[in-house]
């Protein structure tokens, strides 16, 4: 009998697995599905497939089963890994669902015509999601270590973004918009623009 298994992952305890659980259950209800099992991992995307419980997930799957995630960046740490996992699922005739990207594969269609073209069209979005997650994780680590992210008192020339030059440069290199960068660092778009100008950070 086929089963539906939900996979959820967060990088830190500050993030909420319940949000992903809600999205998945809501999607399943709308489509008349029943989620039979949840695999939840609280671990950095930098860890291997064993630590992220990907190996455990694959070991439970059989032909006709379904894997559902809230978004692609939950299941892989890079576009290559995501593609390899989806190809493995396809080869095992396992259906895969990524809610945010609206991807549904049934495990039977032609891989090149149905899956690969869709995946390539989503490469840029996935890379932005992964970079944003790494940037947020770096900010959380700095805060946990007692590093003040805000503007130091008495230094009018300082910026809230001091120390974030490399992260912002990486985001710009990946074509992330200024509006998106401002959301990641919880500052205004003007703050990001002025910081780039004053620090000579090129797009």
Protein backbone atom coordinates (compact mmCIF):
# COMPACT_ATOMS: atom_id res chain seq x y z
CA UNK A 1 0.00 0.00 0.00
CA UNK A 2 1.46 3.37 -1.02
CA UNK A 3 2.24 5.97 1.64
CA UNK A 4 2.80 9.72 1.79
CA UNK A 5 5.82 10.85 3.82
CA UNK A 6 6.46 14.49 4.66
CA UNK A 7 10.05 15.67 5.10
CA UNK A 8 10.71 18.79 7.19
CA UNK A 9 14.03 20.44 8.04
CA UNK A 10 15.13 23.55 9.92
CA UNK A 11 18.66 24.77 10.55
CA UNK A 12 18.24 26.12 14.07
CA UNK A 13 15.85 25.85 16.99
CA UNK A 14 14.75 29.44 16.34
CA UNK A 15 13.00 28.30 13.21
CA UNK A 16 9.63 26.63 13.52
CA UNK A 17 8.94 23.18 12.16
CA UNK A 18 5.27 23.81 12.78
CA UNK A 19 5.10 26.27 9.88
CA UNK A 20 6.28 23.60 7.45
CA UNK A 21 3.97 21.03 9.03
CA UNK A 22 1.01 23.39 8.61
CA UNK A 23 1.83 24.09 4.94
CA UNK A 24 2.12 20.39 4.18
CA UNK A 25 -1.05 19.36 6.02
CA UNK A 26 -2.98 22.22 4.43
CA UNK A 27 -1.77 21.20 0.95
CA UNK A 28 -2.61 17.55 1.60
CA UNK A 29 -6.11 18.41 2.79
CA UNK A 30 -6.79 20.57 -0.28
CA UNK A 31 -5.75 17.70 -2.54
CA UNK A 32 -7.50 14.93 -0.61
CA UNK A 33 -4.31 13.28 0.57
CA UNK A 34 -3.39 11.78 3.91
CA UNK A 35 0.13 12.22 5.30
CA UNK A 36 1.14 8.90 6.84
CA UNK A 37 4.46 9.89 8.40
CA UNK A 38 6.61 12.93 9.19
CA UNK A 39 10.42 12.93 9.17
CA UNK A 40 11.68 16.05 10.93
CA UNK A 41 15.33 17.14 11.03
CA UNK A 42 16.71 20.05 13.04
CA UNK A 43 20.13 20.31 11.46
CA UNK A 44 22.17 22.58 9.20
CA UNK A 45 21.96 22.04 5.44
CA UNK A 46 25.76 21.70 5.51
CA UNK A 47 25.47 18.30 7.17
CA UNK A 48 25.43 15.08 5.17
CA UNK A 49 22.41 13.09 4.09
CA UNK A 50 22.61 10.83 7.15
CA UNK A 51 22.52 13.72 9.63
CA UNK A 52 19.72 15.40 7.70
CA UNK A 53 17.76 12.11 7.77
CA UNK A 54 17.66 11.95 3.97
CA UNK A 55 19.08 8.41 4.14
CA UNK A 56 16.34 7.47 6.59
CA UNK A 57 13.71 8.94 4.26
CA UNK A 58 15.01 7.03 1.24
CA UNK A 59 15.14 3.81 3.21
CA UNK A 60 11.41 4.04 3.93
CA UNK A 61 10.28 4.67 0.37
CA UNK A 62 8.93 2.24 -2.17
CA UNK A 63 7.35 2.40 -5.61
CA UNK A 64 4.10 4.36 -5.54
CA UNK A 65 4.96 6.30 -2.39
CA UNK A 66 4.95 10.11 -2.19
CA UNK A 67 7.45 12.54 -0.65
CA UNK A 68 6.20 16.03 0.13
CA UNK A 69 8.23 19.07 1.24
CA UNK A 70 7.26 22.70 1.80
CA UNK A 71 9.98 23.91 -0.61
CA UNK A 72 12.97 22.59 -2.54
CA UNK A 73 15.63 24.08 -0.26
CA UNK A 74 14.41 21.84 2.59
CA UNK A 75 15.52 18.62 0.90
CA UNK A 76 18.94 19.59 -0.47
CA UNK A 77 21.92 21.83 0.22
CA UNK A 78 22.65 22.57 -3.44
CA UNK A 79 20.87 22.43 -6.77
CA UNK A 80 22.96 19.43 -7.77
CA UNK A 81 21.96 17.50 -4.67
CA UNK A 82 18.30 18.42 -5.10
CA UNK A 83 18.39 17.18 -8.69
CA UNK A 84 20.11 13.94 -7.68
CA UNK A 85 17.53 13.26 -4.98
CA UNK A 86 14.61 13.94 -7.33
CA UNK A 87 16.18 11.72 -10.00
CA UNK A 88 16.60 8.95 -7.41
CA UNK A 89 12.94 9.31 -6.44
CA UNK A 90 11.92 9.24 -10.10
CA UNK A 91 13.95 6.10 -10.76
CA UNK A 92 12.23 4.42 -7.77
CA UNK A 93 8.77 5.50 -9.08
CA UNK A 94 8.24 7.73 -6.06
CA UNK A 95 6.09 10.83 -6.48
CA UNK A 96 7.68 14.10 -5.29
CA UNK A 97 5.88 17.30 -4.28
CA UNK A 98 7.47 20.70 -3.51
CA UNK A 99 4.66 23.04 -2.47
CA UNK A 100 6.32 26.45 -2.87
CA UNK A 101 7.60 25.75 -6.38
CA UNK A 102 4.38 23.91 -7.36
CA UNK A 103 6.33 20.85 -8.51
CA UNK A 104 4.55 17.49 -8.67
CA UNK A 105 6.18 14.48 -10.32
CA UNK A 106 4.44 11.13 -10.38
CA UNK A 107 7.55 9.01 -10.88
CA UNK A 108 6.39 7.71 -14.26
CA UNK A 109 6.68 10.57 -16.76
CA UNK A 110 9.73 11.12 -18.95
CA UNK A 111 12.46 12.60 -16.77
CA UNK A 112 14.00 14.85 -19.42
CA UNK A 113 10.78 16.35 -20.76
CA UNK A 114 8.87 16.81 -17.50
CA UNK A 115 11.30 17.19 -14.61
CA UNK A 116 14.61 18.46 -15.93
CA UNK A 117 13.15 21.41 -17.83
CA UNK A 118 11.17 22.45 -14.77
CA UNK A 119 14.19 22.11 -12.52
CA UNK A 120 16.47 24.15 -14.74
CA UNK A 121 13.91 26.96 -14.83
CA UNK A 122 14.00 27.03 -11.02
CA UNK A 123 17.78 26.97 -10.55
CA UNK A 124 18.10 30.70 -9.90
CA UNK A 125 15.25 30.78 -7.40
CA UNK A 126 16.59 27.80 -5.51
CA UNK A 127 20.10 29.23 -5.30
CA UNK A 128 18.69 32.49 -3.92
CA UNK A 129 16.74 30.56 -1.29
CA UNK A 130 19.83 28.61 -0.24
CA UNK A 131 22.02 31.73 -0.11
CA UNK A 132 19.40 33.59 1.91
CA UNK A 133 19.21 30.72 4.37
CA UNK A 134 23.00 30.67 4.80
CA UNK A 135 23.03 34.43 5.31
CA UNK A 136 20.31 34.28 7.95
CA UNK A 137 22.16 31.45 9.67
CA UNK A 138 25.37 33.53 9.75
CA UNK A 139 23.49 36.45 11.28
CA UNK A 140 21.95 34.20 13.92
CA UNK A 141 25.39 32.80 14.77
CA UNK A 142 26.83 36.30 15.15
CA UNK A 143 23.98 37.33 17.43
CA UNK A 144 24.33 34.15 19.49
CA UNK A 145 28.04 34.91 19.92
CA UNK A 146 27.20 38.37 21.27
CA UNK A 147 28.21 40.30 18.16
CA UNK A 148 26.09 43.42 17.81
CA UNK A 149 24.63 43.70 14.33
CA UNK A 150 23.11 47.15 14.81
CA UNK A 151 24.81 50.51 14.41
CA UNK A 152 27.37 51.26 17.15
CA UNK A 153 26.59 54.35 19.24
CA UNK A 154 28.58 57.48 18.51
CA UNK A 155 29.64 56.39 15.04
CA UNK A 156 27.45 58.18 12.53
CA UNK A 157 29.45 56.82 9.59
CA UNK A 158 28.85 53.22 10.63
CA UNK A 159 26.15 51.07 9.08
CA UNK A 160 23.85 48.37 10.36
CA UNK A 161 25.34 46.20 7.63
CA UNK A 162 28.97 46.49 8.77
CA UNK A 163 30.56 43.03 8.64
CA UNK A 164 28.08 41.80 6.05
CA UNK A 165 30.09 42.87 2.99
CA UNK A 166 30.93 39.34 1.80
CA UNK A 167 27.37 38.07 2.24
CA UNK A 168 25.93 41.02 0.33
CA UNK A 169 28.48 40.63 -2.45
CA UNK A 170 27.55 36.95 -2.79
CA UNK A 171 23.85 37.77 -2.95
CA UNK A 172 24.46 40.43 -5.60
CA UNK A 173 26.58 37.99 -7.60
CA UNK A 174 23.63 35.61 -7.61
CA UNK A 175 21.35 38.37 -8.96
CA UNK A 176 19.35 38.78 -5.75
CA UNK A 177 17.48 42.09 -5.85
CA UNK A 178 18.12 44.96 -3.42
CA UNK A 179 14.57 44.59 -2.16
CA UNK A 180 15.19 40.93 -1.29
CA UNK A 181 18.53 41.73 0.36
CA UNK A 182 16.88 44.42 2.48
CA UNK A 183 14.34 41.84 3.69
CA UNK A 184 17.06 39.33 4.56
CA UNK A 185 18.89 41.87 6.74
CA UNK A 186 15.71 43.60 7.96
CA UNK A 187 16.79 47.04 6.76
CA UNK A 188 15.45 49.43 4.14
CA UNK A 189 16.36 49.22 0.47
CA UNK A 190 17.97 52.65 0.80
CA UNK A 191 20.22 51.37 3.60
CA UNK A 192 21.44 48.55 1.36
CA UNK A 193 22.04 50.92 -1.55
CA UNK A 194 23.92 53.47 0.59
CA UNK A 195 26.02 50.72 2.14
CA UNK A 196 26.97 49.44 -1.30
CA UNK A 197 27.94 52.93 -2.44
CA UNK A 198 29.99 53.75 0.66
CA UNK A 199 31.76 50.38 0.66
CA UNK A 200 32.25 50.28 -3.12
CA UNK A 201 30.34 46.99 -3.46
CA UNK A 202 29.58 46.35 -7.11
CA UNK A 203 26.51 44.61 -8.49
